[in-house]
């Protein structure tokens, strides 16, 4: 399980993207090769900032400022 940074559409006052941390794991396979597609689950380390995420919203996975992947939310489940 890795914990990449995610940009989920929020920005700081200076227009820089706000990044959130979420663990990611691939379902139905041991890993997801670069360039491949598949079902994954995200588990945010904190819920701050994630409550506005909506189905069909595309978010980007980052390593530093570099984009490493994209995901489209298909289902959202939050505790409480």
N, C-alpha and C. Protein backbone atom coordinates (compact mmCIF):
# COMPACT_ATOMS: atom_id res chain seq x y z
N UNK A 1 0.85 -1.16 0.00
CA UNK A 1 0.00 0.00 0.00
C UNK A 1 0.90 1.24 0.00
N UNK A 2 0.62 2.19 -0.85
CA UNK A 2 1.39 3.43 -0.89
C UNK A 2 0.50 4.60 -0.48
N UNK A 3 1.12 5.71 -0.18
CA UNK A 3 0.39 6.90 0.26
C UNK A 3 0.75 8.09 -0.62
N UNK A 4 0.26 8.13 -1.83
CA UNK A 4 0.59 9.25 -2.71
C UNK A 4 -0.18 10.51 -2.34
N UNK A 5 0.24 11.60 -2.94
CA UNK A 5 -0.44 12.88 -2.80
C UNK A 5 -1.51 12.98 -3.87
N UNK A 6 -2.64 13.56 -3.52
CA UNK A 6 -3.76 13.71 -4.45
C UNK A 6 -4.19 15.16 -4.52
N UNK A 7 -4.40 15.64 -5.75
CA UNK A 7 -5.00 16.97 -5.94
C UNK A 7 -6.46 16.72 -6.28
N UNK A 8 -7.35 17.17 -5.40
CA UNK A 8 -8.77 16.88 -5.59
C UNK A 8 -9.57 18.14 -5.91
N UNK A 9 -8.88 19.13 -6.50
CA UNK A 9 -9.57 20.32 -6.99
C UNK A 9 -9.54 21.52 -6.07
N UNK A 10 -8.79 21.44 -4.99
CA UNK A 10 -8.73 22.57 -4.05
C UNK A 10 -7.42 23.32 -4.23
N UNK A 11 -7.49 24.62 -3.96
CA UNK A 11 -6.32 25.49 -4.12
C UNK A 11 -6.11 26.35 -2.89
N UNK A 12 -4.85 26.70 -2.64
CA UNK A 12 -4.49 27.64 -1.58
C UNK A 12 -4.79 29.05 -2.08
N UNK A 13 -4.79 30.04 -1.18
CA UNK A 13 -5.07 31.42 -1.61
C UNK A 13 -4.14 31.94 -2.71
N UNK A 14 -2.92 31.40 -2.81
CA UNK A 14 -1.99 31.86 -3.85
C UNK A 14 -2.13 31.05 -5.14
N UNK A 15 -3.26 30.31 -5.29
CA UNK A 15 -3.58 29.50 -6.47
C UNK A 15 -2.70 28.27 -6.66
N UNK A 16 -1.94 27.89 -5.65
CA UNK A 16 -1.19 26.64 -5.70
C UNK A 16 -2.13 25.51 -5.30
N UNK A 17 -2.00 24.34 -5.92
CA UNK A 17 -2.89 23.23 -5.57
C UNK A 17 -2.67 22.76 -4.13
N UNK A 18 -3.75 22.36 -3.50
CA UNK A 18 -3.67 21.75 -2.18
C UNK A 18 -3.64 20.25 -2.37
N UNK A 19 -2.65 19.59 -1.79
CA UNK A 19 -2.52 18.15 -1.93
C UNK A 19 -3.00 17.46 -0.66
N UNK A 20 -3.66 16.32 -0.83
CA UNK A 20 -4.16 15.50 0.27
C UNK A 20 -3.49 14.13 0.18
N UNK A 21 -3.33 13.48 1.32
CA UNK A 21 -2.70 12.16 1.37
C UNK A 21 -3.78 11.11 1.55
N UNK A 22 -3.68 10.04 0.76
CA UNK A 22 -4.58 8.90 0.91
C UNK A 22 -3.83 7.64 0.53
N UNK A 23 -4.01 6.61 1.34
CA UNK A 23 -3.46 5.31 0.98
C UNK A 23 -4.23 4.79 -0.23
N UNK A 24 -3.56 4.05 -1.07
CA UNK A 24 -4.18 3.50 -2.28
C UNK A 24 -3.86 2.01 -2.34
N UNK A 25 -4.83 1.22 -2.74
CA UNK A 25 -4.55 -0.18 -3.03
C UNK A 25 -5.38 -0.62 -4.21
N UNK A 26 -4.81 -1.52 -4.97
CA UNK A 26 -5.43 -2.03 -6.20
C UNK A 26 -6.31 -3.22 -5.82
N UNK A 27 -7.52 -3.21 -6.36
CA UNK A 27 -8.42 -4.35 -6.14
C UNK A 27 -8.23 -5.36 -7.25
N UNK A 28 -8.38 -6.62 -6.92
CA UNK A 28 -8.40 -7.72 -7.88
C UNK A 28 -7.07 -7.98 -8.58
N UNK A 29 -5.99 -7.37 -8.10
CA UNK A 29 -4.67 -7.62 -8.69
C UNK A 29 -3.61 -7.24 -7.67
N UNK A 30 -2.42 -7.83 -7.76
CA UNK A 30 -1.37 -7.48 -6.81
C UNK A 30 -0.80 -6.08 -7.03
N UNK A 31 -0.88 -5.57 -8.26
CA UNK A 31 -0.38 -4.23 -8.57
C UNK A 31 -1.00 -3.74 -9.86
N UNK A 32 -0.80 -2.47 -10.14
CA UNK A 32 -1.29 -1.84 -11.36
C UNK A 32 -0.08 -1.30 -12.10
N UNK A 33 0.21 -1.85 -13.26
CA UNK A 33 1.38 -1.45 -14.03
C UNK A 33 1.22 -0.02 -14.55
N UNK A 34 2.32 0.72 -14.77
CA UNK A 34 2.24 2.06 -15.34
C UNK A 34 1.49 2.03 -16.67
N UNK A 35 0.55 2.96 -16.82
CA UNK A 35 -0.24 3.06 -18.04
C UNK A 35 -1.48 2.19 -18.05
N UNK A 36 -1.60 1.29 -17.07
CA UNK A 36 -2.76 0.39 -17.01
C UNK A 36 -3.92 1.08 -16.27
N UNK A 37 -5.10 0.50 -16.41
CA UNK A 37 -6.27 0.98 -15.69
C UNK A 37 -6.81 -0.15 -14.82
N UNK A 38 -7.52 0.22 -13.78
CA UNK A 38 -8.11 -0.78 -12.91
C UNK A 38 -8.81 -0.13 -11.74
N UNK A 39 -9.46 -0.94 -10.95
CA UNK A 39 -10.16 -0.45 -9.77
C UNK A 39 -9.19 -0.32 -8.59
N UNK A 40 -9.24 0.82 -7.95
CA UNK A 40 -8.44 1.06 -6.76
C UNK A 40 -9.33 1.65 -5.68
N UNK A 41 -8.86 1.57 -4.47
CA UNK A 41 -9.54 2.21 -3.34
C UNK A 41 -8.58 3.20 -2.70
N UNK A 42 -9.13 4.33 -2.25
CA UNK A 42 -8.35 5.31 -1.53
C UNK A 42 -8.84 5.38 -0.10
N UNK A 43 -7.92 5.54 0.82
CA UNK A 43 -8.25 5.72 2.23
C UNK A 43 -7.52 6.96 2.73
N UNK A 44 -8.21 8.11 2.76
CA UNK A 44 -7.57 9.33 3.24
C UNK A 44 -7.07 9.19 4.67
N UNK A 45 -5.91 9.79 4.95
CA UNK A 45 -5.38 9.73 6.30
C UNK A 45 -6.18 10.62 7.24
N UNK A 46 -6.74 11.71 6.71
CA UNK A 46 -7.69 12.55 7.43
C UNK A 46 -8.81 12.87 6.46
N UNK A 47 -9.98 13.17 6.98
CA UNK A 47 -11.12 13.48 6.10
C UNK A 47 -11.15 14.95 5.67
N UNK A 48 -10.30 15.78 6.28
CA UNK A 48 -10.26 17.20 5.89
C UNK A 48 -10.05 17.33 4.40
N UNK A 49 -10.92 18.07 3.76
CA UNK A 49 -10.79 18.33 2.33
C UNK A 49 -11.40 17.29 1.42
N UNK A 50 -11.65 16.09 1.91
CA UNK A 50 -12.19 15.02 1.07
C UNK A 50 -13.71 15.01 1.02
N UNK A 51 -14.36 15.71 1.92
CA UNK A 51 -15.83 15.66 2.00
C UNK A 51 -16.53 16.24 0.78
N UNK A 52 -15.85 17.08 0.01
CA UNK A 52 -16.46 17.67 -1.19
C UNK A 52 -16.24 16.84 -2.45
N UNK A 53 -15.53 15.73 -2.34
CA UNK A 53 -15.31 14.85 -3.49
C UNK A 53 -16.64 14.24 -3.92
N UNK A 54 -16.90 14.21 -5.20
CA UNK A 54 -18.17 13.73 -5.74
C UNK A 54 -17.95 12.64 -6.79
N UNK A 55 -18.93 11.75 -6.96
CA UNK A 55 -18.82 10.75 -8.03
C UNK A 55 -18.60 11.42 -9.39
N UNK A 56 -17.83 10.77 -10.21
CA UNK A 56 -17.45 11.21 -11.56
C UNK A 56 -16.42 12.34 -11.56
N UNK A 57 -15.95 12.75 -10.41
CA UNK A 57 -14.90 13.77 -10.34
C UNK A 57 -13.56 13.11 -10.61
N UNK A 58 -12.76 13.73 -11.46
CA UNK A 58 -11.42 13.22 -11.76
C UNK A 58 -10.42 13.94 -10.86
N UNK A 59 -9.53 13.16 -10.24
CA UNK A 59 -8.49 13.70 -9.38
C UNK A 59 -7.15 13.21 -9.89
N UNK A 60 -6.08 13.90 -9.49
CA UNK A 60 -4.75 13.53 -9.98
C UNK A 60 -3.85 13.08 -8.83
N UNK A 61 -3.06 12.06 -9.11
CA UNK A 61 -2.09 11.54 -8.16
C UNK A 61 -0.73 12.16 -8.49
N UNK A 62 -0.03 12.61 -7.45
CA UNK A 62 1.23 13.32 -7.65
C UNK A 62 2.36 12.69 -6.86
N UNK A 63 3.55 12.87 -7.41
CA UNK A 63 4.80 12.63 -6.69
C UNK A 63 5.51 13.97 -6.75
N UNK A 64 5.49 14.70 -5.65
CA UNK A 64 5.93 16.09 -5.68
C UNK A 64 4.93 16.86 -6.53
N UNK A 65 5.42 17.68 -7.44
CA UNK A 65 4.53 18.43 -8.33
C UNK A 65 4.17 17.65 -9.60
N UNK A 66 4.87 16.56 -9.85
CA UNK A 66 4.66 15.78 -11.08
C UNK A 66 3.42 14.89 -10.98
N UNK A 67 2.59 14.93 -12.01
CA UNK A 67 1.41 14.06 -12.07
C UNK A 67 1.86 12.65 -12.41
N UNK A 68 1.42 11.67 -11.63
CA UNK A 68 1.78 10.26 -11.86
C UNK A 68 0.60 9.42 -12.27
N UNK A 69 -0.62 9.96 -12.14
CA UNK A 69 -1.80 9.20 -12.53
C UNK A 69 -3.07 10.00 -12.30
N UNK A 70 -4.16 9.48 -12.79
CA UNK A 70 -5.47 10.09 -12.57
C UNK A 70 -6.44 9.02 -12.10
N UNK A 71 -7.47 9.46 -11.43
CA UNK A 71 -8.53 8.56 -10.98
C UNK A 71 -9.86 9.29 -11.12
N UNK A 72 -10.89 8.54 -11.41
CA UNK A 72 -12.24 9.08 -11.44
C UNK A 72 -13.03 8.40 -10.34
N UNK A 73 -13.57 9.20 -9.45
CA UNK A 73 -14.34 8.65 -8.33
C UNK A 73 -15.63 8.02 -8.87
N UNK A 74 -15.86 6.77 -8.50
CA UNK A 74 -17.09 6.11 -8.91
C UNK A 74 -18.05 5.91 -7.74
N UNK A 75 -17.50 5.83 -6.54
CA UNK A 75 -18.30 5.68 -5.35
C UNK A 75 -17.56 6.32 -4.19
N UNK A 76 -18.30 6.98 -3.32
CA UNK A 76 -17.68 7.65 -2.18
C UNK A 76 -18.40 7.20 -0.91
N UNK A 77 -17.62 6.76 0.05
CA UNK A 77 -18.17 6.32 1.32
C UNK A 77 -17.36 6.96 2.43
N UNK A 78 -18.00 7.77 3.24
CA UNK A 78 -17.33 8.45 4.35
C UNK A 78 -17.94 7.99 5.66
N UNK A 79 -17.12 7.81 6.69
CA UNK A 79 -17.68 7.44 7.99
C UNK A 79 -18.48 8.61 8.57
N UNK A 80 -19.46 8.28 9.36
CA UNK A 80 -20.27 9.29 10.06
C UNK A 80 -21.10 10.05 9.15
